[in-house]
Amino acid sequence: MHPQREKITLANAKPFIAGAIVLAIGLLAIDGQRLGGWLQAAGTQSVEGCEKIVQSTAQLSREQLAQLLVVPERDPKENVRKIVAEPYCSLPQLQVRSGVVSEREAYPMAWDPTVQLVILYENDEYAGYRFRFQ
């Protein structure tokens, strides 16, 4: 009383394989940018690596970090440097906004050197920060 099971053959599986391929291509098309960013991040660190070591012993303390977090955007670069001094390294310049070239400097955390604070400057003004985890 059991229906006989049909053997799975390559001819029977072709529509399923084709459907899976179409689905995978569709997902890549929808989420291609995020996947591309992930693949790039998994690659070499040279893109985000230091362009020039400025001060090889530079580290940022918790106190310096706390002071820096209250500095308003567009404050002069000199005011930020009074808090953090020389960076560990400078990163390659980039263009965040149209027509404005941005400088970036990295400061390793004293309590965890695998975490760096990257400070962004535009026209010698403080423009923000982000954390970089290595």
N, C-alpha and C. Protein backbone atom coordinates (compact mmCIF):
# COMPACT_ATOMS: atom_id res chain seq x y z
N MET A 1 0.80 -1.19 0.00
CA MET A 1 0.00 0.00 0.00
C MET A 1 0.85 1.27 0.00
N HIS A 2 2.14 1.11 0.08
CA HIS A 2 3.02 2.27 -0.01
C HIS A 2 3.29 2.59 -1.47
N PRO A 3 3.22 3.88 -1.80
CA PRO A 3 3.56 4.22 -3.18
C PRO A 3 5.05 3.96 -3.41
N GLN A 4 5.34 3.50 -4.59
CA GLN A 4 6.73 3.21 -4.91
C GLN A 4 7.51 4.50 -5.05
N ARG A 5 8.67 4.54 -4.39
CA ARG A 5 9.51 5.74 -4.46
C ARG A 5 10.26 5.76 -5.78
N GLU A 6 10.30 6.94 -6.35
CA GLU A 6 11.02 7.10 -7.60
C GLU A 6 12.48 7.36 -7.29
N LYS A 7 13.36 6.71 -8.00
CA LYS A 7 14.79 6.91 -7.79
C LYS A 7 15.19 8.30 -8.25
N ILE A 8 16.05 8.93 -7.46
CA ILE A 8 16.54 10.25 -7.85
C ILE A 8 17.70 10.06 -8.83
N THR A 9 17.51 10.64 -9.99
CA THR A 9 18.55 10.56 -11.01
C THR A 9 18.98 11.98 -11.36
N LEU A 10 20.03 12.08 -12.12
CA LEU A 10 20.53 13.38 -12.54
C LEU A 10 19.47 14.12 -13.34
N ALA A 11 18.73 13.41 -14.14
CA ALA A 11 17.68 14.04 -14.95
C ALA A 11 16.59 14.63 -14.07
N ASN A 12 16.25 13.93 -12.98
CA ASN A 12 15.23 14.44 -12.05
C ASN A 12 15.75 15.60 -11.22
N ALA A 13 17.06 15.65 -10.94
CA ALA A 13 17.64 16.66 -10.05
C ALA A 13 17.97 17.96 -10.77
N LYS A 14 18.04 17.95 -12.09
CA LYS A 14 18.42 19.14 -12.85
C LYS A 14 17.55 20.36 -12.55
N PRO A 15 16.24 20.24 -12.47
CA PRO A 15 15.43 21.43 -12.15
C PRO A 15 15.74 22.01 -10.76
N PHE A 16 16.02 21.14 -9.80
CA PHE A 16 16.35 21.61 -8.46
C PHE A 16 17.71 22.32 -8.44
N ILE A 17 18.67 21.77 -9.16
CA ILE A 17 20.00 22.38 -9.25
C ILE A 17 19.90 23.75 -9.93
N ALA A 18 19.15 23.82 -11.02
CA ALA A 18 18.97 25.08 -11.74
C ALA A 18 18.29 26.11 -10.84
N GLY A 19 17.29 25.69 -10.09
CA GLY A 19 16.60 26.59 -9.17
C GLY A 19 17.53 27.12 -8.09
N ALA A 20 18.37 26.25 -7.55
CA ALA A 20 19.32 26.67 -6.51
C ALA A 20 20.33 27.67 -7.06
N ILE A 21 20.78 27.45 -8.29
CA ILE A 21 21.73 28.39 -8.91
C ILE A 21 21.08 29.75 -9.14
N VAL A 22 19.85 29.76 -9.64
CA VAL A 22 19.13 31.01 -9.86
C VAL A 22 18.92 31.74 -8.53
N LEU A 23 18.57 31.02 -7.48
CA LEU A 23 18.38 31.61 -6.17
C LEU A 23 19.68 32.22 -5.65
N ALA A 24 20.78 31.51 -5.79
CA ALA A 24 22.09 32.01 -5.33
C ALA A 24 22.48 33.27 -6.09
N ILE A 25 22.28 33.28 -7.40
CA ILE A 25 22.60 34.47 -8.21
C ILE A 25 21.72 35.65 -7.79
N GLY A 26 20.44 35.38 -7.54
CA GLY A 26 19.54 36.44 -7.09
C GLY A 26 19.96 37.02 -5.75
N LEU A 27 20.35 36.17 -4.81
CA LEU A 27 20.80 36.66 -3.51
C LEU A 27 22.08 37.47 -3.63
N LEU A 28 22.99 37.04 -4.49
CA LEU A 28 24.22 37.80 -4.71
C LEU A 28 23.93 39.16 -5.34
N ALA A 29 22.96 39.20 -6.25
CA ALA A 29 22.61 40.47 -6.89
C ALA A 29 22.00 41.43 -5.88
N ILE A 30 21.17 40.93 -5.00
CA ILE A 30 20.52 41.77 -3.99
C ILE A 30 21.52 42.23 -2.94
N ASP A 31 22.38 41.34 -2.49
CA ASP A 31 23.27 41.63 -1.37
C ASP A 31 24.74 41.68 -1.82
N GLY A 32 24.99 42.01 -3.08
CA GLY A 32 26.34 41.99 -3.62
C GLY A 32 27.29 42.96 -2.96
N GLN A 33 26.79 44.16 -2.63
CA GLN A 33 27.68 45.15 -2.02
C GLN A 33 28.15 44.69 -0.65
N ARG A 34 27.25 44.17 0.15
CA ARG A 34 27.64 43.72 1.49
C ARG A 34 28.60 42.53 1.39
N LEU A 35 28.33 41.62 0.47
CA LEU A 35 29.22 40.48 0.28
C LEU A 35 30.58 40.94 -0.21
N GLY A 36 30.61 41.91 -1.13
CA GLY A 36 31.87 42.44 -1.63
C GLY A 36 32.68 43.08 -0.52
N GLY A 37 32.02 43.82 0.37
CA GLY A 37 32.71 44.41 1.51
C GLY A 37 33.27 43.36 2.44
N TRP A 38 32.52 42.28 2.63
CA TRP A 38 33.00 41.20 3.50
C TRP A 38 34.21 40.54 2.89
N LEU A 39 34.16 40.28 1.58
CA LEU A 39 35.30 39.65 0.92
C LEU A 39 36.53 40.56 0.95
N GLN A 40 36.32 41.85 0.79
CA GLN A 40 37.44 42.79 0.83
C GLN A 40 38.02 42.84 2.24
N ALA A 41 37.18 42.84 3.26
CA ALA A 41 37.65 42.86 4.64
C ALA A 41 38.40 41.59 4.99
N ALA A 42 38.00 40.48 4.38
CA ALA A 42 38.68 39.22 4.65
C ALA A 42 40.03 39.15 3.95
N GLY A 43 40.25 40.04 2.98
CA GLY A 43 41.51 40.05 2.24
C GLY A 43 42.63 40.70 3.04
N THR A 44 43.56 41.29 2.34
CA THR A 44 44.73 41.86 3.00
C THR A 44 44.37 43.12 3.76
N GLN A 45 45.15 43.44 4.77
CA GLN A 45 44.96 44.64 5.56
C GLN A 45 45.67 45.84 4.95
N SER A 46 46.35 45.68 3.83
CA SER A 46 47.15 46.75 3.27
C SER A 46 46.29 47.96 2.88
N VAL A 47 45.03 47.76 2.51
CA VAL A 47 44.18 48.87 2.14
C VAL A 47 43.95 49.78 3.33
N GLU A 48 43.69 49.22 4.49
CA GLU A 48 43.45 50.02 5.68
C GLU A 48 44.69 50.12 6.56
N GLY A 49 45.80 49.62 6.10
CA GLY A 49 47.00 49.62 6.91
C GLY A 49 47.63 51.00 6.99
N CYS A 50 48.59 51.10 7.87
CA CYS A 50 49.29 52.37 8.07
C CYS A 50 50.06 52.76 6.82
N GLU A 51 49.97 54.01 6.48
CA GLU A 51 50.75 54.55 5.37
C GLU A 51 52.13 54.95 5.86
N LYS A 52 52.18 55.49 7.09
CA LYS A 52 53.45 55.94 7.65
C LYS A 52 53.37 55.84 9.17
N ILE A 53 54.37 55.19 9.79
CA ILE A 53 54.45 55.14 11.25
C ILE A 53 54.97 56.49 11.73
N VAL A 54 54.22 57.14 12.62
CA VAL A 54 54.60 58.45 13.12
C VAL A 54 55.30 58.31 14.46
N GLN A 55 54.66 57.62 15.41
CA GLN A 55 55.21 57.44 16.76
C GLN A 55 54.95 56.00 17.17
N SER A 56 55.98 55.16 17.08
CA SER A 56 55.78 53.72 17.28
C SER A 56 55.37 53.34 18.70
N THR A 57 55.56 54.22 19.67
CA THR A 57 55.19 53.91 21.06
C THR A 57 53.87 54.56 21.48
N ALA A 58 53.20 55.22 20.55
CA ALA A 58 51.96 55.93 20.89
C ALA A 58 50.87 54.96 21.31
N GLN A 59 50.17 55.31 22.39
CA GLN A 59 49.00 54.57 22.86
C GLN A 59 48.03 55.57 23.46
N LEU A 60 46.77 55.21 23.45
CA LEU A 60 45.73 56.08 23.98
C LEU A 60 45.21 55.49 25.29
N SER A 61 45.24 56.28 26.35
CA SER A 61 44.75 55.82 27.65
C SER A 61 43.23 56.00 27.72
N ARG A 62 42.63 55.41 28.73
CA ARG A 62 41.18 55.56 28.93
C ARG A 62 40.83 57.03 29.20
N GLU A 63 41.69 57.71 29.94
CA GLU A 63 41.45 59.13 30.25
C GLU A 63 41.48 59.98 28.98
N GLN A 64 42.47 59.72 28.12
CA GLN A 64 42.55 60.46 26.86
C GLN A 64 41.33 60.18 25.99
N LEU A 65 40.91 58.93 25.95
CA LEU A 65 39.73 58.57 25.17
C LEU A 65 38.50 59.30 25.70
N ALA A 66 38.33 59.33 27.01
CA ALA A 66 37.18 60.03 27.60
C ALA A 66 37.20 61.52 27.26
N GLN A 67 38.37 62.14 27.28
CA GLN A 67 38.47 63.56 26.93
C GLN A 67 38.16 63.78 25.45
N LEU A 68 38.64 62.88 24.61
CA LEU A 68 38.43 63.03 23.18
C LEU A 68 36.96 62.90 22.79
N LEU A 69 36.23 62.04 23.48
CA LEU A 69 34.84 61.79 23.11
C LEU A 69 33.93 63.00 23.33
N VAL A 70 34.38 63.99 24.08
CA VAL A 70 33.57 65.19 24.29
C VAL A 70 34.02 66.37 23.43
N VAL A 71 35.03 66.17 22.60
CA VAL A 71 35.48 67.23 21.70
C VAL A 71 34.44 67.39 20.59
N PRO A 72 33.95 68.60 20.38
CA PRO A 72 32.94 68.79 19.33
C PRO A 72 33.55 68.69 17.93
N GLU A 73 32.74 68.24 16.99
CA GLU A 73 33.19 68.21 15.60
C GLU A 73 33.49 69.62 15.14
N ARG A 74 34.42 69.73 14.20
CA ARG A 74 34.90 70.98 13.62
C ARG A 74 35.80 71.77 14.56
N ASP A 75 36.20 71.17 15.68
CA ASP A 75 37.21 71.78 16.53
C ASP A 75 38.55 71.72 15.79
N PRO A 76 39.43 72.67 16.01
CA PRO A 76 40.73 72.63 15.33
C PRO A 76 41.52 71.37 15.69
N LYS A 77 42.29 70.90 14.74
CA LYS A 77 43.12 69.71 14.92
C LYS A 77 44.07 69.88 16.11
N GLU A 78 44.55 71.10 16.32
CA GLU A 78 45.47 71.36 17.43
C GLU A 78 44.84 71.04 18.79
N ASN A 79 43.53 71.30 18.94
CA ASN A 79 42.85 70.99 20.21
C ASN A 79 42.81 69.49 20.46
N VAL A 80 42.60 68.72 19.40
CA VAL A 80 42.60 67.26 19.54
C VAL A 80 44.00 66.78 19.87
N ARG A 81 45.00 67.33 19.20
CA ARG A 81 46.39 66.92 19.43
C ARG A 81 46.86 67.25 20.85
N LYS A 82 46.27 68.26 21.48
CA LYS A 82 46.61 68.56 22.89
C LYS A 82 46.21 67.39 23.79
N ILE A 83 45.19 66.67 23.40
CA ILE A 83 44.71 65.52 24.18
C ILE A 83 45.47 64.25 23.83
N VAL A 84 45.62 63.98 22.53
CA VAL A 84 46.13 62.68 22.10
C VAL A 84 47.60 62.68 21.67
N ALA A 85 48.21 63.83 21.48
CA ALA A 85 49.60 63.95 21.03
C ALA A 85 49.78 63.33 19.64
N GLU A 86 50.96 62.78 19.37
CA GLU A 86 51.27 62.21 18.06
C GLU A 86 50.59 60.85 17.89
N PRO A 87 50.10 60.54 16.69
CA PRO A 87 49.47 59.24 16.46
C PRO A 87 50.51 58.14 16.29
N TYR A 88 50.03 56.90 16.39
CA TYR A 88 50.89 55.76 16.07
C TYR A 88 51.23 55.80 14.59
N CYS A 89 50.21 56.02 13.75
CA CYS A 89 50.47 56.07 12.31
C CYS A 89 49.41 56.90 11.60
N SER A 90 49.74 57.27 10.38
CA SER A 90 48.76 57.93 9.52
C SER A 90 48.28 56.90 8.50
N LEU A 91 47.00 56.95 8.23
CA LEU A 91 46.37 56.05 7.26
C LEU A 91 46.23 56.77 5.93
N PRO A 92 46.02 56.05 4.85
CA PRO A 92 45.84 56.72 3.55
C PRO A 92 44.68 57.70 3.59
N GLN A 93 44.84 58.81 2.88
CA GLN A 93 43.77 59.80 2.81
C GLN A 93 42.60 59.21 2.04
N LEU A 94 41.42 59.75 2.32
CA LEU A 94 40.24 59.33 1.57
C LEU A 94 39.31 60.51 1.40
N GLN A 95 38.32 60.33 0.54
CA GLN A 95 37.36 61.38 0.27
C GLN A 95 36.00 60.93 0.80
N VAL A 96 35.60 61.47 1.96
CA VAL A 96 34.33 61.11 2.57
C VAL A 96 33.20 61.90 1.94
N ARG A 97 33.44 63.19 1.77
CA ARG A 97 32.44 64.06 1.13
C ARG A 97 33.02 64.58 -0.18
N SER A 98 32.16 64.95 -1.09
CA SER A 98 32.60 65.40 -2.40
C SER A 98 33.51 66.62 -2.29
N GLY A 99 34.69 66.52 -2.88
CA GLY A 99 35.61 67.64 -2.92
C GLY A 99 36.43 67.86 -1.67
N VAL A 100 36.28 67.03 -0.64
CA VAL A 100 37.02 67.21 0.61
C VAL A 100 37.89 65.98 0.86
N VAL A 101 39.20 66.20 0.93
CA VAL A 101 40.13 65.11 1.22
C VAL A 101 40.29 65.02 2.73
N SER A 102 40.17 63.82 3.26
CA SER A 102 40.23 63.60 4.71
C SER A 102 41.52 62.90 5.10
N GLU A 103 42.08 63.33 6.23
CA GLU A 103 43.26 62.68 6.81
C GLU A 103 42.79 61.77 7.93
N ARG A 104 43.49 60.65 8.12
CA ARG A 104 43.15 59.74 9.20
C ARG A 104 44.40 59.37 9.98
N GLU A 105 44.25 59.28 11.29
CA GLU A 105 45.35 58.89 12.17
C GLU A 105 44.86 57.80 13.12
N ALA A 106 45.74 56.85 13.41
CA ALA A 106 45.37 55.71 14.25
C ALA A 106 46.11 55.75 15.57
N TYR A 107 45.38 55.42 16.64
CA TYR A 107 45.91 55.37 17.99
C TYR A 107 45.52 54.04 18.63
N PRO A 108 46.47 53.16 18.93
CA PRO A 108 46.13 51.91 19.63
C PRO A 108 45.71 52.20 21.07
N MET A 109 44.78 51.41 21.58
CA MET A 109 44.35 51.55 22.96
C MET A 109 45.42 50.95 23.88
N ALA A 110 45.73 51.63 24.97
CA ALA A 110 46.78 51.17 25.89
C ALA A 110 46.40 49.83 26.53
N TRP A 111 45.13 49.60 26.78
CA TRP A 111 44.69 48.37 27.45
C TRP A 111 44.42 47.23 26.47
N ASP A 112 44.32 47.54 25.16
CA ASP A 112 44.12 46.49 24.15
C ASP A 112 44.64 47.00 22.80
N PRO A 113 45.92 46.76 22.51
CA PRO A 113 46.52 47.28 21.28
C PRO A 113 45.90 46.75 19.98
N THR A 114 45.06 45.71 20.06
CA THR A 114 44.40 45.23 18.85
C THR A 114 43.24 46.13 18.45
N VAL A 115 42.85 47.04 19.34
CA VAL A 115 41.80 48.01 19.05
C VAL A 115 42.45 49.36 18.84
N GLN A 116 42.11 50.01 17.74
CA GLN A 116 42.65 51.33 17.45
C GLN A 116 41.51 52.33 17.30
N LEU A 117 41.78 53.54 17.74
CA LEU A 117 40.86 54.64 17.49
C LEU A 117 41.39 55.37 16.26
N VAL A 118 40.57 55.50 15.24
CA VAL A 118 40.95 56.21 14.02
C VAL A 118 40.25 57.55 14.04
N ILE A 119 41.05 58.62 14.01
CA ILE A 119 40.52 59.98 14.04
C ILE A 119 40.53 60.54 12.63
N LEU A 120 39.44 61.19 12.25
CA LEU A 120 39.27 61.76 10.92
C LEU A 120 39.35 63.28 11.01
N TYR A 121 40.14 63.87 10.12
CA TYR A 121 40.26 65.33 10.02
C TYR A 121 39.91 65.76 8.61
N GLU A 122 39.20 66.88 8.51
CA GLU A 122 38.93 67.51 7.22
C GLU A 122 39.36 68.97 7.32
N ASN A 123 40.24 69.40 6.44
CA ASN A 123 40.74 70.79 6.45
C ASN A 123 41.27 71.19 7.82
N ASP A 124 42.06 70.33 8.43
CA ASP A 124 42.66 70.56 9.75
C ASP A 124 41.62 70.80 10.84
N GLU A 125 40.43 70.23 10.66
CA GLU A 125 39.39 70.26 11.69
C GLU A 125 38.99 68.83 12.03
N TYR A 126 38.69 68.60 13.30
CA TYR A 126 38.25 67.28 13.77
C TYR A 126 36.90 66.97 13.15
N ALA A 127 36.80 65.82 12.48
CA ALA A 127 35.56 65.46 11.80
C ALA A 127 34.92 64.19 12.36
N GLY A 128 35.55 63.53 13.33
CA GLY A 128 34.95 62.34 13.90
C GLY A 128 35.97 61.24 14.14
N TYR A 129 35.45 60.09 14.55
CA TYR A 129 36.32 58.96 14.86
C TYR A 129 35.56 57.66 14.60
N ARG A 130 36.29 56.57 14.60
CA ARG A 130 35.71 55.23 14.59
C ARG A 130 36.72 54.29 15.22
N PHE A 131 36.24 53.15 15.67
CA PHE A 131 37.13 52.14 16.22
C PHE A 131 37.46 51.13 15.13
N ARG A 132 38.69 50.67 15.14
CA ARG A 132 39.15 49.66 14.19
C ARG A 132 39.65 48.47 14.98
N PHE A 133 39.08 47.30 14.70
CA PHE A 133 39.44 46.08 15.40
C PHE A 133 40.27 45.21 14.47
N GLN A 134 41.43 44.80 14.95
CA GLN A 134 42.31 44.00 14.11
C GLN A 134 42.28 42.56 14.50
